[in-house]
Amino acid sequence: MRAFTALELDEASRDDLASMCHGLPGVRWVDPSVMHLTLHFLGEDVREEVVRDALESLQMPAAFSAVLSGVGRFLSKNGGAIWAGLEPCEPLMRLQNSMGRVLRAAGLPVEKRKFQPHITLGRIRSTPEREIHAYLEQFRAYRRELPAFTGVTLFESQLRPDGPVHTALEFYEFT
């Protein structure tokens, strides 16, 4: 199973983010219905019951809010990604960190790179640099308060030629 844990966005926030998904040739925009905030990508070959046991042992926080702020990009050998960022948020960082500890203790693979909370908007294929810079400048001041997150979702992800399909397997409600 290919799996990840994430915070789900409400429909109005996904629609608002989708309104920024245009104007860059060579970018494959994310379908708004699958936009989310990934906490931990768990890999391709994980056993669902191991993940469930680990997440059930996690002490869940109280519901908390966050603020989307600005846009940016990640570079990669395949082109990279355009994303909307989140302002620093202590409850989010504590959740991601404590979840990483319980997943690691269960023997699950955990990302080694520093966590940078973001919502992926699109994948860059072959977009001229000047157009990417113009896009980033256009949405530099983007800001949106998100409704409170009330839990974490465990997703299974299947990659398909027309885009990923994410299936929610379990919702772990905050206390």
Protein backbone atom coordinates (compact mmCIF):
# COMPACT_ATOMS: atom_id res chain seq x y z
CA MET A 1 0.00 0.00 0.00
CA ARG A 2 1.21 3.54 -0.85
CA ALA A 3 0.15 5.70 2.09
CA PHE A 4 0.41 9.09 3.76
CA THR A 5 -1.09 11.01 6.65
CA ALA A 6 -2.58 14.44 6.08
CA LEU A 7 -4.79 17.23 7.28
CA GLU A 8 -7.77 17.70 5.00
CA LEU A 9 -8.83 21.11 3.74
CA ASP A 10 -12.41 22.32 3.70
CA GLU A 11 -14.09 22.78 0.32
CA ALA A 12 -14.04 26.61 0.40
CA SER A 13 -10.27 26.64 1.03
CA ARG A 14 -9.66 24.13 -1.77
CA ASP A 15 -11.79 26.25 -4.12
CA ASP A 16 -9.87 29.38 -3.13
CA LEU A 17 -6.54 27.64 -3.80
CA ALA A 18 -7.87 26.32 -7.12
CA SER A 19 -8.46 29.91 -8.21
CA MET A 20 -4.66 30.33 -8.28
CA CYS A 21 -4.11 27.25 -10.43
CA HIS A 22 -3.76 28.86 -13.82
CA GLY A 23 -1.48 30.93 -15.99
CA LEU A 24 1.64 28.79 -16.08
CA PRO A 25 2.22 26.73 -19.21
CA GLY A 26 3.90 23.43 -18.52
CA VAL A 27 2.40 23.06 -15.03
CA ARG A 28 0.12 20.15 -14.22
CA TRP A 29 -2.28 21.64 -11.68
CA VAL A 30 -3.55 19.54 -8.78
CA ASP A 31 -7.24 18.68 -8.80
CA PRO A 32 -8.73 20.70 -5.92
CA SER A 33 -10.57 17.62 -4.62
CA VAL A 34 -7.23 16.03 -3.61
CA MET A 35 -5.52 19.12 -2.12
CA HIS A 36 -4.32 18.42 1.43
CA LEU A 37 -1.50 19.12 3.88
CA THR A 38 0.75 16.07 4.02
CA LEU A 39 2.19 15.33 7.44
CA HIS A 40 4.06 12.11 6.62
CA PHE A 41 4.49 10.21 3.37
CA LEU A 42 4.91 6.57 4.40
CA GLY A 43 6.10 5.00 1.18
CA GLU A 44 4.99 2.40 -1.28
CA ASP A 45 5.01 -0.84 0.68
CA VAL A 46 3.54 -0.18 4.09
CA ARG A 47 1.19 -2.47 5.98
CA GLU A 48 -2.04 -0.72 6.88
CA GLU A 49 -2.38 -2.40 10.27
CA VAL A 50 1.10 -1.23 11.35
CA VAL A 51 0.22 2.37 10.45
CA ARG A 52 -3.16 2.14 12.20
CA ASP A 53 -1.60 0.75 15.38
CA ALA A 54 1.00 3.52 15.42
CA LEU A 55 -1.56 6.28 14.86
CA GLU A 56 -3.90 4.87 17.50
CA SER A 57 -1.07 5.14 20.03
CA LEU A 58 -0.55 8.84 19.24
CA GLN A 59 -1.89 11.30 21.78
CA MET A 60 -3.99 13.61 19.64
CA PRO A 61 -3.91 17.37 20.18
CA ALA A 62 -6.85 19.73 20.49
CA ALA A 63 -8.28 21.16 17.26
CA PHE A 64 -6.19 24.05 15.92
CA SER A 65 -6.27 26.59 13.10
CA ALA A 66 -3.60 27.66 10.64
CA VAL A 67 -3.09 30.38 8.06
CA LEU A 68 -2.13 29.86 4.43
CA SER A 69 0.41 32.48 3.46
CA GLY A 70 2.21 33.08 0.17
CA VAL A 71 3.37 30.73 -2.53
CA GLY A 72 6.69 29.14 -3.37
CA ARG A 73 8.34 26.37 -5.28
CA PHE A 74 10.36 23.26 -4.73
CA LEU A 75 12.98 22.35 -7.30
CA SER A 76 13.65 18.79 -8.37
CA LYS A 77 15.30 16.98 -11.26
CA ASN A 78 11.80 16.48 -12.72
CA GLY A 79 10.94 20.18 -12.55
CA GLY A 80 9.51 20.68 -9.07
CA ALA A 81 6.28 21.97 -7.60
CA ILE A 82 4.37 25.18 -6.95
CA TRP A 83 2.85 25.38 -3.47
CA ALA A 84 0.95 27.56 -0.99
CA GLY A 85 2.71 27.81 2.36
CA LEU A 86 1.50 27.99 5.94
CA GLU A 87 2.53 30.50 8.56
CA PRO A 88 4.48 29.01 11.47
CA CYS A 89 2.04 27.15 13.72
CA GLU A 90 3.26 25.48 16.91
CA PRO A 91 0.39 22.92 17.23
CA LEU A 92 0.99 21.75 13.65
CA MET A 93 4.73 21.38 14.17
CA ARG A 94 4.22 19.47 17.46
CA LEU A 95 1.70 17.14 15.78
CA GLN A 96 3.98 16.41 12.83
CA ASN A 97 6.95 15.81 15.15
CA SER A 98 5.13 13.52 17.60
CA MET A 99 3.56 11.60 14.74
CA GLY A 100 7.02 11.10 13.26
CA ARG A 101 8.24 9.62 16.55
CA VAL A 102 5.43 7.04 16.81
CA LEU A 103 5.71 6.09 13.13
CA ARG A 104 9.50 5.69 13.41
CA ALA A 105 9.08 3.61 16.61
CA ALA A 106 6.73 1.31 14.64
CA GLY A 107 9.46 0.78 12.05
CA LEU A 108 7.82 2.90 9.37
CA PRO A 109 9.84 5.08 7.01
CA VAL A 110 9.70 8.77 7.92
CA GLU A 111 10.87 11.67 5.76
CA LYS A 112 14.30 12.91 6.78
CA ARG A 113 13.98 16.39 5.26
CA LYS A 114 12.84 19.22 7.48
CA PHE A 115 9.05 19.55 7.47
CA GLN A 116 7.89 22.56 5.48
CA PRO A 117 4.08 22.73 5.69
CA HIS A 118 2.54 23.44 2.31
CA ILE A 119 -0.30 22.59 -0.06
CA THR A 120 0.90 21.47 -3.49
CA LEU A 121 -0.83 23.43 -6.24
CA GLY A 122 0.91 22.06 -9.30
CA ARG A 123 3.84 20.11 -10.72
CA ILE A 124 6.27 22.02 -12.92
CA ARG A 125 7.17 20.30 -16.17
CA SER A 126 8.71 22.76 -18.60
CA THR A 127 7.84 26.28 -17.55
CA PRO A 128 10.15 29.20 -18.36
CA GLU A 129 11.80 30.67 -15.25
CA ARG A 130 10.56 34.20 -15.93
CA GLU A 131 6.96 32.95 -15.92
CA ILE A 132 7.46 31.06 -12.66
CA HIS A 133 8.93 34.17 -11.03
CA ALA A 134 6.02 36.30 -12.31
CA TYR A 135 3.52 33.79 -10.89
CA LEU A 136 5.26 33.70 -7.51
CA GLU A 137 5.28 37.49 -7.40
CA GLN A 138 1.59 37.70 -8.37
CA PHE A 139 0.54 35.50 -5.43
CA ARG A 140 3.28 36.48 -2.97
CA ALA A 141 0.79 38.24 -0.65
CA TYR A 142 -1.79 35.43 -0.72
CA ARG A 143 -3.29 34.83 2.73
CA ARG A 144 -6.23 32.77 3.97
CA GLU A 145 -7.24 31.71 7.45
CA LEU A 146 -8.20 28.06 7.51
CA PRO A 147 -11.00 26.61 9.63
CA ALA A 148 -9.79 24.53 12.57
CA PHE A 149 -8.31 21.13 11.77
CA THR A 150 -10.20 18.49 13.75
CA GLY A 151 -8.21 15.36 12.97
CA VAL A 152 -5.68 13.51 10.85
CA THR A 153 -6.57 11.26 7.93
CA LEU A 154 -4.69 8.17 6.81
CA PHE A 155 -4.83 7.98 3.02
CA GLU A 156 -4.00 5.33 0.47
CA SER A 157 -2.67 6.83 -2.75
CA GLN A 158 -2.80 5.24 -6.18
CA LEU A 159 -0.88 6.91 -8.98
CA ARG A 160 -2.69 6.97 -12.31
CA PRO A 161 -1.87 8.62 -15.64
CA ASP A 162 -4.68 11.16 -15.17
CA GLY A 163 -3.57 12.02 -11.61
CA PRO A 164 -3.44 10.43 -8.18
CA VAL A 165 -6.46 8.90 -6.49
CA HIS A 166 -6.46 9.34 -2.71
CA THR A 167 -8.72 7.13 -0.62
CA ALA A 168 -9.35 8.07 3.01
CA LEU A 169 -8.88 4.94 5.13
CA GLU A 170 -9.24 6.27 8.65
CA PHE A 171 -9.88 9.58 10.41
CA TYR A 172 -8.20 10.15 13.80
CA GLU A 173 -10.12 12.85 15.61
CA PHE A 174 -8.35 15.42 17.76
CA THR A 175 -9.29 15.54 21.45
